[in-house]
PDB file of N, CA and C in Angstrom:
ATOM      1  N   MET A   1       0.782  -1.505  -0.164  1.00  0.00           N
ATOM      2  CA  MET A   1      -0.060  -0.138   0.086  1.00  0.00           C
ATOM      3  C   MET A   1       1.348   1.216   0.219  1.00  0.00           C
ATOM      4  N   THR A   2       0.498   1.954  -1.282  1.00  0.00           N
ATOM      5  CA  THR A   2       1.513   3.395  -0.669  1.00  0.00           C
ATOM      6  C   THR A   2       0.708   4.287  -0.536  1.00  0.00           C
ATOM      7  N   HIS A   3       1.472   4.774   0.917  1.00  0.00           N
ATOM      8  CA  HIS A   3       0.540   6.130   1.106  1.00  0.00           C
ATOM      9  C   HIS A   3       0.978   7.704   1.004  1.00  0.00           C
ATOM     10  N   ARG A   4      -0.104   8.401   0.763  1.00  0.00           N
ATOM     11  CA  ARG A   4       0.280   9.919   0.283  1.00  0.00           C
ATOM     12  C   ARG A   4       1.234  10.650   1.262  1.00  0.00           C
ATOM     13  N   ARG A   5       1.939  11.392   0.435  1.00  0.00           N
ATOM     14  CA  ARG A   5       2.470  12.223   1.259  1.00  0.00           C
ATOM     15  C   ARG A   5       2.266  14.327   0.933  1.00  0.00           C
ATOM     16  N   HIS A   6       1.933  14.494   2.026  1.00  0.00           N
ATOM     17  CA  HIS A   6       0.752  15.677   2.310  1.00  0.00           C
ATOM     18  C   HIS A   6       2.018  16.668   2.326  1.00  0.00           C
ATOM     19  N   ASP A   7       1.898  17.798   1.894  1.00  0.00           N
ATOM     20  CA  ASP A   7       2.018  19.472   1.755  1.00  0.00           C
ATOM     21  C   ASP A   7       2.250  19.613   2.892  1.00  0.00           C
ATOM     22  N   CYS A   8       3.827  21.154   3.291  1.00  0.00           N
ATOM     23  CA  CYS A   8       3.208  21.809   4.711  1.00  0.00           C
ATOM     24  C   CYS A   8       2.480  22.181   4.509  1.00  0.00           C
ATOM     25  N   PRO A   9       1.729  22.560   5.454  1.00  0.00           N
ATOM     26  CA  PRO A   9       0.987  23.190   6.189  1.00  0.00           C
ATOM     27  C   PRO A   9       1.636  25.078   5.462  1.00  0.00           C
ATOM     28  N   SER A  10       0.627  25.344   5.715  1.00  0.00           N
ATOM     29  CA  SER A  10       0.953  27.134   5.305  1.00  0.00           C
ATOM     30  C   SER A  10       1.078  27.679   6.443  1.00  0.00           C
ATOM     31  N   TRP A  11       0.672  27.091   7.746  1.00  0.00           N
ATOM     32  CA  TRP A  11       1.139  27.832   8.861  1.00  0.00           C
ATOM     33  C   TRP A  11       2.765  27.875   9.585  1.00  0.00           C
ATOM     34  N   LEU A  12       2.724  26.737   8.895  1.00  0.00           N
ATOM     35  CA  LEU A  12       4.059  26.615   9.830  1.00  0.00           C
ATOM     36  C   LEU A  12       5.152  27.535   9.218  1.00  0.00           C
ATOM     37  N   ASP A  13       6.410  28.011   9.435  1.00  0.00           N
ATOM     38  CA  ASP A  13       7.273  28.842   9.354  1.00  0.00           C
ATOM     39  C   ASP A  13       8.447  27.901   8.121  1.00  0.00           C
ATOM     40  N   ASP A  14       9.240  29.482   8.106  1.00  0.00           N
ATOM     41  CA  ASP A  14      10.555  27.901   6.971  1.00  0.00           C
ATOM     42  C   ASP A  14      11.036  26.912   7.729  1.00  0.00           C
ATOM     43  N   ASP A  15      11.353  27.221   8.946  1.00  0.00           N
ATOM     44  CA  ASP A  15      12.117  25.837   9.679  1.00  0.00           C
ATOM     45  C   ASP A  15      11.458  24.691   9.914  1.00  0.00           C
ATOM     46  N   ALA A  16      10.463  25.048   9.773  1.00  0.00           N
ATOM     47  CA  ALA A  16       9.197  23.769  10.596  1.00  0.00           C
ATOM     48  C   ALA A  16       9.094  22.732   9.168  1.00  0.00           C
ATOM     49  N   CYS A  17       8.108  23.899   7.994  1.00  0.00           N
ATOM     50  CA  CYS A  17       8.465  23.000   6.845  1.00  0.00           C
ATOM     51  C   CYS A  17       9.650  22.250   6.066  1.00  0.00           C
ATOM     52  N   ARG A  18      10.966  22.885   6.908  1.00  0.00           N
ATOM     53  CA  ARG A  18      12.257  22.163   6.090  1.00  0.00           C
ATOM     54  C   ARG A  18      12.310  20.883   7.016  1.00  0.00           C
ATOM     55  N   GLU A  19      11.844  20.795   8.325  1.00  0.00           N
ATOM     56  CA  GLU A  19      12.079  19.869   9.129  1.00  0.00           C
ATOM     57  C   GLU A  19      10.507  18.256   8.309  1.00  0.00           C
ATOM     58  N   TRP A  20       9.619  19.054   7.629  1.00  0.00           N
ATOM     59  CA  TRP A  20       8.553  18.165   7.276  1.00  0.00           C
ATOM     60  C   TRP A  20       9.104  17.913   6.328  1.00  0.00           C
ATOM     61  N   ARG A  21       9.504  18.629   5.345  1.00  0.00           N
ATOM     62  CA  ARG A  21      10.724  18.078   4.154  1.00  0.00           C
ATOM     63  C   ARG A  21      10.988  16.901   4.537  1.00  0.00           C
ATOM     64  N   LEU A  22      11.681  16.651   5.786  1.00  0.00           N
ATOM     65  CA  LEU A  22      13.338  16.304   5.572  1.00  0.00           C
ATOM     66  C   LEU A  22      12.181  14.844   5.932  1.00  0.00           C
ATOM     67  N   LEU A  23      11.807  14.295   7.060  1.00  0.00           N
ATOM     68  CA  LEU A  23      10.762  13.804   7.294  1.00  0.00           C
ATOM     69  C   LEU A  23      10.049  12.807   6.485  1.00  0.00           C
ATOM     70  N   GLN A  24       9.593  13.567   5.601  1.00  0.00           N
ATOM     71  CA  GLN A  24       8.646  13.034   4.882  1.00  0.00           C
ATOM     72  C   GLN A  24       9.219  12.793   3.640  1.00  0.00           C
ATOM     73  N   SER A  25      10.880  13.223   3.055  1.00  0.00           N
ATOM     74  CA  SER A  25      11.074  12.403   1.989  1.00  0.00           C
ATOM     75  C   SER A  25      12.232  11.652   2.735  1.00  0.00           C
ATOM     76  N   ALA A  26      12.109  11.426   3.929  1.00  0.00           N
ATOM     77  CA  ALA A  26      13.092  10.760   4.196  1.00  0.00           C
ATOM     78  C   ALA A  26      12.018   8.531   4.724  1.00  0.00           C
ATOM     79  N   GLY A  27      10.883   9.123   4.667  1.00  0.00           N
ATOM     80  CA  GLY A  27       9.827   8.170   4.448  1.00  0.00           C
ATOM     81  C   GLY A  27       9.402   7.963   5.548  1.00  0.00           C
ATOM     82  N   ASN A  28       9.894   8.751   6.817  1.00  0.00           N
ATOM     83  CA  ASN A  28      10.099   8.017   8.529  1.00  0.00           C
ATOM     84  C   ASN A  28       8.328   7.984   9.102  1.00  0.00           C
ATOM     85  N   VAL A  29       7.718   9.240   7.914  1.00  0.00           N
ATOM     86  CA  VAL A  29       6.224   9.785   8.199  1.00  0.00           C
ATOM     87  C   VAL A  29       5.447   9.197   7.353  1.00  0.00           C
ATOM     88  N   THR A  30       5.581   8.361   6.328  1.00  0.00           N
ATOM     89  CA  THR A  30       4.257   8.556   5.952  1.00  0.00           C
ATOM     90  C   THR A  30       3.348   7.149   6.121  1.00  0.00           C
ATOM     91  N   GLY A  31       2.138   7.480   5.896  1.00  0.00           N
ATOM     92  CA  GLY A  31       0.941   7.435   6.532  1.00  0.00           C
ATOM     93  C   GLY A  31       0.316   7.232   7.846  1.00  0.00           C
ATOM     94  N   LYS A  32       1.400   8.969   8.467  1.00  0.00           N
ATOM     95  CA  LYS A  32       1.271   9.077   9.634  1.00  0.00           C
ATOM     96  C   LYS A  32       0.316  10.058   9.727  1.00  0.00           C
ATOM     97  N   ASN A  33      -1.181  10.772  10.551  1.00  0.00           N
ATOM     98  CA  ASN A  33      -1.581  11.749  10.776  1.00  0.00           C
ATOM     99  C   ASN A  33      -0.762  12.925  10.712  1.00  0.00           C
ATOM    100  N   PRO A  34      -0.875  13.849   9.536  1.00  0.00           N
ATOM    101  CA  PRO A  34      -0.407  15.172   9.392  1.00  0.00           C
ATOM    102  C   PRO A  34      -1.219  16.135  10.513  1.00  0.00           C
ATOM    103  N   GLU A  35      -1.660  15.619  10.903  1.00  0.00           N
ATOM    104  CA  GLU A  35      -1.582  16.901  12.152  1.00  0.00           C
ATOM    105  C   GLU A  35      -0.884  16.596  13.188  1.00  0.00           C
ATOM    106  N   THR A  36      -0.711  15.486  13.270  1.00  0.00           N
ATOM    107  CA  THR A  36       0.620  15.159  14.574  1.00  0.00           C
ATOM    108  C   THR A  36       1.506  15.481  13.929  1.00  0.00           C
ATOM    109  N   LEU A  37       2.166  15.155  12.872  1.00  0.00           N
ATOM    110  CA  LEU A  37       3.416  15.576  11.862  1.00  0.00           C
ATOM    111  C   LEU A  37       3.204  17.049  12.141  1.00  0.00           C
ATOM    112  N   ALA A  38       2.570  17.927  11.635  1.00  0.00           N
ATOM    113  CA  ALA A  38       2.357  19.385  11.789  1.00  0.00           C
ATOM    114  C   ALA A  38       3.032  20.046  13.527  1.00  0.00           C
ATOM    115  N   ALA A  39       2.271  19.262  14.136  1.00  0.00           N
ATOM    116  CA  ALA A  39       2.313  19.438  15.758  1.00  0.00           C
ATOM    117  C   ALA A  39       3.879  19.215  15.994  1.00  0.00           C
ATOM    118  N   TYR A  40       4.186  18.434  15.327  1.00  0.00           N
ATOM    119  CA  TYR A  40       6.023  18.023  15.586  1.00  0.00           C
ATOM    120  C   TYR A  40       6.940  18.827  15.232  1.00  0.00           C
ATOM    121  N   CYS A  41       6.363  19.215  14.360  1.00  0.00           N
ATOM    122  CA  CYS A  41       7.691  20.324  13.479  1.00  0.00           C
ATOM    123  C   CYS A  41       7.437  21.762  13.665  1.00  0.00           C
ATOM    124  N   PHE A  42       6.462  21.906  14.397  1.00  0.00           N
ATOM    125  CA  PHE A  42       6.283  23.211  14.490  1.00  0.00           C
ATOM    126  C   PHE A  42       6.548  23.380  16.361  1.00  0.00           C
ATOM    127  N   THR A  43       6.397  22.185  17.014  1.00  0.00           N
ATOM    128  CA  THR A  43       6.982  22.756  18.632  1.00  0.00           C
ATOM    129  C   THR A  43       8.451  22.385  18.374  1.00  0.00           C
ATOM    130  N   LEU A  44       8.845  21.444  17.333  1.00  0.00           N
ATOM    131  CA  LEU A  44      10.648  21.032  16.956  1.00  0.00           C
ATOM    132  C   LEU A  44      11.196  22.823  16.662  1.00  0.00           C
ATOM    133  N   ASP A  45      10.210  23.457  16.057  1.00  0.00           N
ATOM    134  CA  ASP A  45      10.799  24.716  15.714  1.00  0.00           C
ATOM    135  C   ASP A  45      10.813  25.708  17.008  1.00  0.00           C
ATOM    136  N   LEU A  46      10.025  25.544  17.292  1.00  0.00           N
ATOM    137  CA  LEU A  46       9.763  26.542  18.429  1.00  0.00           C
ATOM    138  C   LEU A  46      11.191  26.138  19.931  1.00  0.00           C
ATOM    139  N   TRP A  47      10.947  24.810  19.994  1.00  0.00           N
ATOM    140  CA  TRP A  47      12.110  24.394  21.031  1.00  0.00           C
ATOM    141  C   TRP A  47      13.425  24.900  20.538  1.00  0.00           C
ATOM    142  N   ALA A  48      13.969  25.111  19.671  1.00  0.00           N
ATOM    143  CA  ALA A  48      14.905  25.346  18.631  1.00  0.00           C
ATOM    144  C   ALA A  48      14.721  27.010  19.283  1.00  0.00           C
ATOM    145  N   LYS A  49      13.859  27.850  18.872  1.00  0.00           N
ATOM    146  CA  LYS A  49      13.892  29.287  18.783  1.00  0.00           C
ATOM    147  C   LYS A  49      14.153  29.956  20.585  1.00  0.00           C
ATOM    148  N   VAL A  50      13.744  28.752  21.486  1.00  0.00           N
ATOM    149  CA  VAL A  50      13.563  28.816  22.856  1.00  0.00           C
ATOM    150  C   VAL A  50      14.969  28.701  22.919  1.00  0.00           C
ATOM    151  N   ARG A  51      15.536  27.889  22.550  1.00  0.00           N
ATOM    152  CA  ARG A  51      16.905  26.832  23.147  1.00  0.00           C
ATOM    153  C   ARG A  51      17.815  28.149  22.641  1.00  0.00           C
ATOM    154  N   ALA A  52      17.702  28.794  21.551  1.00  0.00           N
ATOM    155  CA  ALA A  52      18.729  30.379  20.916  1.00  0.00           C
ATOM    156  C   ALA A  52      18.392  31.093  22.224  1.00  0.00           C
ATOM    157  N   THR A  53      17.471  31.513  22.508  1.00  0.00           N
ATOM    158  CA  THR A  53      16.808  32.704  23.145  1.00  0.00           C
ATOM    159  C   THR A  53      18.094  32.526  24.479  1.00  0.00           C
ATOM    160  N   LEU A  54      17.690  31.445  24.888  1.00  0.00           N
ATOM    161  CA  LEU A  54      18.399  30.985  26.101  1.00  0.00           C
ATOM    162  C   LEU A  54      19.659  31.174  25.933  1.00  0.00           C
ATOM    163  N   ASP A  55      20.505  30.719  24.565  1.00  0.00           N
ATOM    164  CA  ASP A  55      22.159  30.871  24.527  1.00  0.00           C
ATOM    165  C   ASP A  55      22.766  32.151  24.239  1.00  0.00           C
ATOM    166  N   ARG A  56      21.703  33.228  23.934  1.00  0.00           N
ATOM    167  CA  ARG A  56      21.387  34.698  24.001  1.00  0.00           C
ATOM    168  C   ARG A  56      21.675  35.479  25.059  1.00  0.00           C
ATOM    169  N   LEU A  57      21.508  34.536  26.579  1.00  0.00           N
ATOM    170  CA  LEU A  57      21.149  35.290  27.913  1.00  0.00           C
ATOM    171  C   LEU A  57      22.530  35.244  28.092  1.00  0.00           C
ATOM    172  N   PRO A  58      23.374  35.912  28.994  1.00  0.00           N
ATOM    173  CA  PRO A  58      24.875  35.990  29.954  1.00  0.00           C
ATOM    174  C   PRO A  58      24.327  34.944  30.586  1.00  0.00           C
ATOM    175  N   ASP A  59      25.485  34.064  30.727  1.00  0.00           N
ATOM    176  CA  ASP A  59      25.106  33.408  31.905  1.00  0.00           C
ATOM    177  C   ASP A  59      24.778  33.136  32.636  1.00  0.00           C
ATOM    178  N   GLN A  60      25.059  34.374  33.549  1.00  0.00           N
ATOM    179  CA  GLN A  60      24.687  34.543  34.992  1.00  0.00           C
ATOM    180  C   GLN A  60      23.225  34.822  34.844  1.00  0.00           C
ATOM    181  N   ARG A  61      22.238  35.161  33.761  1.00  0.00           N
ATOM    182  CA  ARG A  61      21.186  35.083  33.682  1.00  0.00           C
ATOM    183  C   ARG A  61      20.484  34.012  33.063  1.00  0.00           C
ATOM    184  N   ARG A  62      21.355  32.922  33.164  1.00  0.00           N
ATOM    185  CA  ARG A  62      20.584  31.845  32.189  1.00  0.00           C
ATOM    186  C   ARG A  62      19.560  30.877  32.567  1.00  0.00           C
ATOM    187  N   SER A  63      20.076  31.113  34.313  1.00  0.00           N
ATOM    188  CA  SER A  63      18.626  29.704  35.102  1.00  0.00           C
ATOM    189  C   SER A  63      18.422  30.748  36.118  1.00  0.00           C
ATOM    190  N   THR A  64      18.153  32.131  36.663  1.00  0.00           N
ATOM    191  CA  THR A  64      17.566  32.558  37.155  1.00  0.00           C
ATOM    192  C   THR A  64      17.571  33.781  36.809  1.00  0.00           C
ATOM    193  N   TRP A  65      16.833  34.685  37.173  1.00  0.00           N
ATOM    194  CA  TRP A  65      15.798  36.075  37.233  1.00  0.00           C
ATOM    195  C   TRP A  65      15.237  36.680  38.190  1.00  0.00           C
ATOM    196  N   THR A  66      15.465  37.809  38.195  1.00  0.00           N
ATOM    197  CA  THR A  66      15.498  38.917  39.267  1.00  0.00           C
ATOM    198  C   THR A  66      13.706  39.181  39.814  1.00  0.00           C
ATOM    199  N   THR A  67      13.164  39.285  39.962  1.00  0.00           N
ATOM    200  CA  THR A  67      11.489  39.697  40.464  1.00  0.00           C
ATOM    201  C   THR A  67      11.802  41.655  40.754  1.00  0.00           C
ATOM    202  N   ARG A  68      11.158  41.942  40.532  1.00  0.00           N
ATOM    203  CA  ARG A  68      10.718  42.816  40.707  1.00  0.00           C
ATOM    204  C   ARG A  68      11.326  43.662  42.519  1.00  0.00           C
ATOM    205  N   ASP A  69      10.481  42.951  42.834  1.00  0.00           N
ATOM    206  CA  ASP A  69      10.637  42.834  44.454  1.00  0.00           C
ATOM    207  C   ASP A  69      12.320  42.057  44.909  1.00  0.00           C
ATOM    208  N   GLY A  70      13.143  42.235  44.049  1.00  0.00           N
ATOM    209  CA  GLY A  70      14.600  40.949  44.173  1.00  0.00           C
ATOM    210  C   GLY A  70      14.563  40.228  44.836  1.00  0.00           C
ATOM    211  N   ARG A  71      13.496  39.094  44.418  1.00  0.00           N
ATOM    212  CA  ARG A  71      13.748  37.872  45.170  1.00  0.00           C
ATOM    213  C   ARG A  71      14.082  37.157  43.796  1.00  0.00           C
ATOM    214  N   ARG A  72      14.910  35.985  43.667  1.00  0.00           N
ATOM    215  CA  ARG A  72      15.779  35.380  42.122  1.00  0.00           C
ATOM    216  C   ARG A  72      14.919  34.110  42.382  1.00  0.00           C
ATOM    217  N   ARG A  73      14.283  33.681  41.473  1.00  0.00           N
ATOM    218  CA  ARG A  73      13.282  32.684  40.971  1.00  0.00           C
ATOM    219  C   ARG A  73      13.986  31.931  39.653  1.00  0.00           C
ATOM    220  N   PRO A  74      13.501  30.480  39.153  1.00  0.00           N
ATOM    221  CA  PRO A  74      13.803  29.939  38.354  1.00  0.00           C
ATOM    222  C   PRO A  74      13.361  30.958  36.745  1.00  0.00           C
ATOM    223  N   HIS A  75      14.275  30.939  35.607  1.00  0.00           N
ATOM    224  CA  HIS A  75      14.449  31.714  34.754  1.00  0.00           C
ATOM    225  C   HIS A  75      12.565  31.137  33.745  1.00  0.00           C
ATOM    226  N   PRO A  76      11.530  32.161  33.501  1.00  0.00           N
ATOM    227  CA  PRO A  76      10.237  31.159  32.974  1.00  0.00           C
ATOM    228  C   PRO A  76      10.812  30.604  31.729  1.00  0.00           C
ATOM    229  N   VAL A  77      11.896  30.598  31.000  1.00  0.00           N
ATOM    230  CA  VAL A  77      11.827  30.231  29.701  1.00  0.00           C
ATOM    231  C   VAL A  77      12.533  28.532  30.190  1.00  0.00           C
ATOM    232  N   LEU A  78      12.792  28.533  31.217  1.00  0.00           N
ATOM    233  CA  LEU A  78      13.611  27.095  31.254  1.00  0.00           C
ATOM    234  C   LEU A  78      12.436  26.170  31.376  1.00  0.00           C
ATOM    235  N   ALA A  79      10.918  27.081  31.850  1.00  0.00           N
ATOM    236  CA  ALA A  79       9.599  26.146  32.036  1.00  0.00           C
ATOM    237  C   ALA A  79       9.244  25.661  30.630  1.00  0.00           C
ATOM    238  N   VAL A  80       9.571  26.757  29.902  1.00  0.00           N
ATOM    239  CA  VAL A  80       8.562  26.326  28.889  1.00  0.00           C
ATOM    240  C   VAL A  80       9.806  25.483  27.525  1.00  0.00           C
ATOM    241  N   GLU A  81      11.075  25.451  27.875  1.00  0.00           N
ATOM    242  CA  GLU A  81      12.174  24.774  27.369  1.00  0.00           C
ATOM    243  C   GLU A  81      11.664  23.488  27.625  1.00  0.00           C
ATOM    244  N   ALA A  82      11.572  22.862  29.036  1.00  0.00           N
ATOM    245  CA  ALA A  82      11.264  21.700  29.229  1.00  0.00           C
ATOM    246  C   ALA A  82      10.130  20.957  29.004  1.00  0.00           C
ATOM    247  N   ARG A  83       9.002  21.714  29.430  1.00  0.00           N
ATOM    248  CA  ARG A  83       7.484  21.397  28.246  1.00  0.00           C
ATOM    249  C   ARG A  83       7.812  21.389  26.452  1.00  0.00           C
ATOM    250  N   LEU A  84       8.002  21.872  25.946  1.00  0.00           N
ATOM    251  CA  LEU A  84       8.189  22.074  24.915  1.00  0.00           C
ATOM    252  C   LEU A  84       9.432  20.169  24.466  1.00  0.00           C
ATOM    253  N   ALA A  85      10.475  20.029  24.994  1.00  0.00           N
ATOM    254  CA  ALA A  85      11.129  19.370  25.288  1.00  0.00           C
ATOM    255  C   ALA A  85       9.980  17.322  25.633  1.00  0.00           C
ATOM    256  N   ALA A  86       8.942  17.590  26.780  1.00  0.00           N
ATOM    257  CA  ALA A  86       8.545  16.697  26.653  1.00  0.00           C
ATOM    258  C   ALA A  86       7.352  16.799  25.848  1.00  0.00           C
ATOM    259  N   ASP A  87       7.015  17.498  25.437  1.00  0.00           N
ATOM    260  CA  ASP A  87       6.089  17.206  24.224  1.00  0.00           C
ATOM    261  C   ASP A  87       6.628  16.646  23.058  1.00  0.00           C
ATOM    262  N   LEU A  88       7.512  17.554  22.395  1.00  0.00           N
ATOM    263  CA  LEU A  88       8.909  16.838  21.594  1.00  0.00           C
ATOM    264  C   LEU A  88       8.566  15.069  21.507  1.00  0.00           C
ATOM    265  N   LEU A  89       9.133  14.884  22.752  1.00  0.00           N
ATOM    266  CA  LEU A  89       9.380  13.294  22.727  1.00  0.00           C
ATOM    267  C   LEU A  89       7.864  12.685  23.292  1.00  0.00           C
ATOM    268  N   GLU A  90       6.227  13.404  23.509  1.00  0.00           N
ATOM    269  CA  GLU A  90       5.249  12.720  23.254  1.00  0.00           C
ATOM    270  C   GLU A  90       5.002  12.492  21.665  1.00  0.00           C
ATOM    271  N   LEU A  91       5.674  13.717  20.851  1.00  0.00           N
ATOM    272  CA  LEU A  91       4.913  13.917  19.185  1.00  0.00           C
ATOM    273  C   LEU A  91       6.032  12.603  18.333  1.00  0.00           C
ATOM    274  N   SER A  92       6.853  12.281  18.780  1.00  0.00           N
ATOM    275  CA  SER A  92       7.912  11.591  17.954  1.00  0.00           C
ATOM    276  C   SER A  92       7.414  10.399  19.070  1.00  0.00           C
ATOM    277  N   GLU A  93       7.120   9.836  20.035  1.00  0.00           N
ATOM    278  CA  GLU A  93       6.670   8.534  19.658  1.00  0.00           C
ATOM    279  C   GLU A  93       5.145   8.626  19.008  1.00  0.00           C
ATOM    280  N   ALA A  94       4.414   9.149  19.715  1.00  0.00           N
ATOM    281  CA  ALA A  94       3.563   9.297  18.379  1.00  0.00           C
ATOM    282  C   ALA A  94       3.508   9.317  16.691  1.00  0.00           C
ATOM    283  N   LEU A  95       4.717   9.826  16.637  1.00  0.00           N
ATOM    284  CA  LEU A  95       4.542   9.110  14.919  1.00  0.00           C
ATOM    285  C   LEU A  95       5.731   8.222  14.629  1.00  0.00           C
ATOM    286  N   ASP A  96       6.423   7.843  16.203  1.00  0.00           N
ATOM    287  CA  ASP A  96       7.160   6.335  15.799  1.00  0.00           C
ATOM    288  C   ASP A  96       8.069   6.594  15.308  1.00  0.00           C
ATOM    289  N   LEU A  97       9.146   7.609  15.748  1.00  0.00           N
ATOM    290  CA  LEU A  97      10.487   8.133  15.199  1.00  0.00           C
ATOM    291  C   LEU A  97      11.751   8.053  16.294  1.00  0.00           C
ATOM    292  N   LYS A  98      12.404   7.454  15.131  1.00  0.00           N
ATOM    293  CA  LYS A  98      13.759   6.877  16.010  1.00  0.00           C
ATOM    294  C   LYS A  98      15.012   8.008  16.024  1.00  0.00           C
ATOM    295  N   PRO A  99      15.704   7.966  16.884  1.00  0.00           N
ATOM    296  CA  PRO A  99      16.514   8.727  16.842  1.00  0.00           C
ATOM    297  C   PRO A  99      17.482   8.383  15.729  1.00  0.00           C
ATOM    298  N   THR A 100      17.964   8.964  14.498  1.00  0.00           N
ATOM    299  CA  THR A 100      19.217   8.449  13.460  1.00  0.00           C
ATOM    300  C   THR A 100      19.839   9.760  13.337  1.00  0.00           C
ATOM    301  N   GLY A 101      21.366   9.544  14.413  1.00  0.00           N
ATOM    302  CA  GLY A 101      22.420   9.944  14.235  1.00  0.00           C
ATOM    303  C   GLY A 101      22.507  10.819  14.791  1.00  0.00           C
ATOM    304  N   ARG A 102      21.427  11.831  15.571  1.00  0.00           N
ATOM    305  CA  ARG A 102      20.782  13.340  16.067  1.00  0.00           C
ATOM    306  C   ARG A 102      20.643  13.117  17.578  1.00  0.00           C
ATOM    307  N   GLU A 103      21.156  13.761  18.262  1.00  0.00           N
ATOM    308  CA  GLU A 103      20.212  13.106  19.651  1.00  0.00           C
ATOM    309  C   GLU A 103      18.801  14.317  19.735  1.00  0.00           C
ATOM    310  N   GLY A 104      17.868  13.763  19.730  1.00  0.00           N
ATOM    311  CA  GLY A 104      16.560  14.678  19.895  1.00  0.00           C
ATOM    312  C   GLY A 104      16.698  15.675  21.440  1.00  0.00           C
ATOM    313  N   PRO A 105      15.737  17.056  21.229  1.00  0.00           N
ATOM    314  CA  PRO A 105      15.748  17.295  22.128  1.00  0.00           C
ATOM    315  C   PRO A 105      15.865  16.730  23.704  1.00  0.00           C
ATOM    316  N   ARG A 106      16.399  17.873  24.393  1.00  0.00           N
ATOM    317  CA  ARG A 106      17.067  17.859  25.808  1.00  0.00           C
ATOM    318  C   ARG A 106      16.771  19.239  26.633  1.00  0.00           C
ATOM    319  N   PRO A 107      16.250  18.936  27.783  1.00  0.00           N
ATOM    320  CA  PRO A 107      16.220  20.190  28.868  1.00  0.00           C
ATOM    321  C   PRO A 107      17.416  20.933  28.846  1.00  0.00           C
ATOM    322  N   SER A 108      17.996  21.910  28.575  1.00  0.00           N
ATOM    323  CA  SER A 108      19.344  22.576  29.070  1.00  0.00           C
ATOM    324  C   SER A 108      20.330  22.345  30.483  1.00  0.00           C
ATOM    325  N   ARG A 109      18.630  22.540  31.460  1.00  0.00           N
ATOM    326  CA  ARG A 109      19.204  22.740  32.534  1.00  0.00           C
ATOM    327  C   ARG A 109      18.014  21.830  33.765  1.00  0.00           C
ATOM    328  N   VAL A 110      17.901  20.986  34.708  1.00  0.00           N
ATOM    329  CA  VAL A 110      17.323  20.415  35.623  1.00  0.00           C
ATOM    330  C   VAL A 110      16.338  21.811  36.534  1.00  0.00           C
ATOM    331  N   LEU A 111      15.013  21.520  35.680  1.00  0.00           N
ATOM    332  CA  LEU A 111      14.072  22.570  36.515  1.00  0.00           C
ATOM    333  C   LEU A 111      13.562  22.485  38.195  1.00  0.00           C
ATOM    334  N   ILE A 112      13.783  22.985  38.737  1.00  0.00           N
ATOM    335  CA  ILE A 112      13.433  22.419  39.787  1.00  0.00           C
ATOM    336  C   ILE A 112      12.605  23.465  40.959  1.00  0.00           C
ATOM    337  N   LEU A 113      10.945  23.503  40.562  1.00  0.00           N
ATOM    338  CA  LEU A 113      10.379  24.580  41.628  1.00  0.00           C
ATOM    339  C   LEU A 113       9.586  23.441  42.446  1.00  0.00           C
ATOM    340  N   ASP A 114       9.817  24.423  43.539  1.00  0.00           N
ATOM    341  CA  ASP A 114       9.663  24.375  44.877  1.00  0.00           C
ATOM    342  C   ASP A 114       7.761  24.431  45.903  1.00  0.00           C
TER     343      ASP A 114
END
């Protein structure tokens, strides 16, 4: 049985569409739910952008930030990054993707909230 390849949704940006085309051309996702694939590509792209945001922060500001009242708190971007990494793992399982020579997304730091 031949599975139809789907076009990249117009609402995905260039980086997400690049991942879409890569997975489609590799045959990794033929026959899979295109909405799940779109969610995976979108989330991977967003995770990469969050990581880039963290990488641009000075070392001393990557893990914590200071509130207006002077208290130190975990940087909110860390929670976003951790959530996106968890979502990516779930979506990759739903698409039955296996790592092939590249490491999957992992949170850059351990986030502990009291």
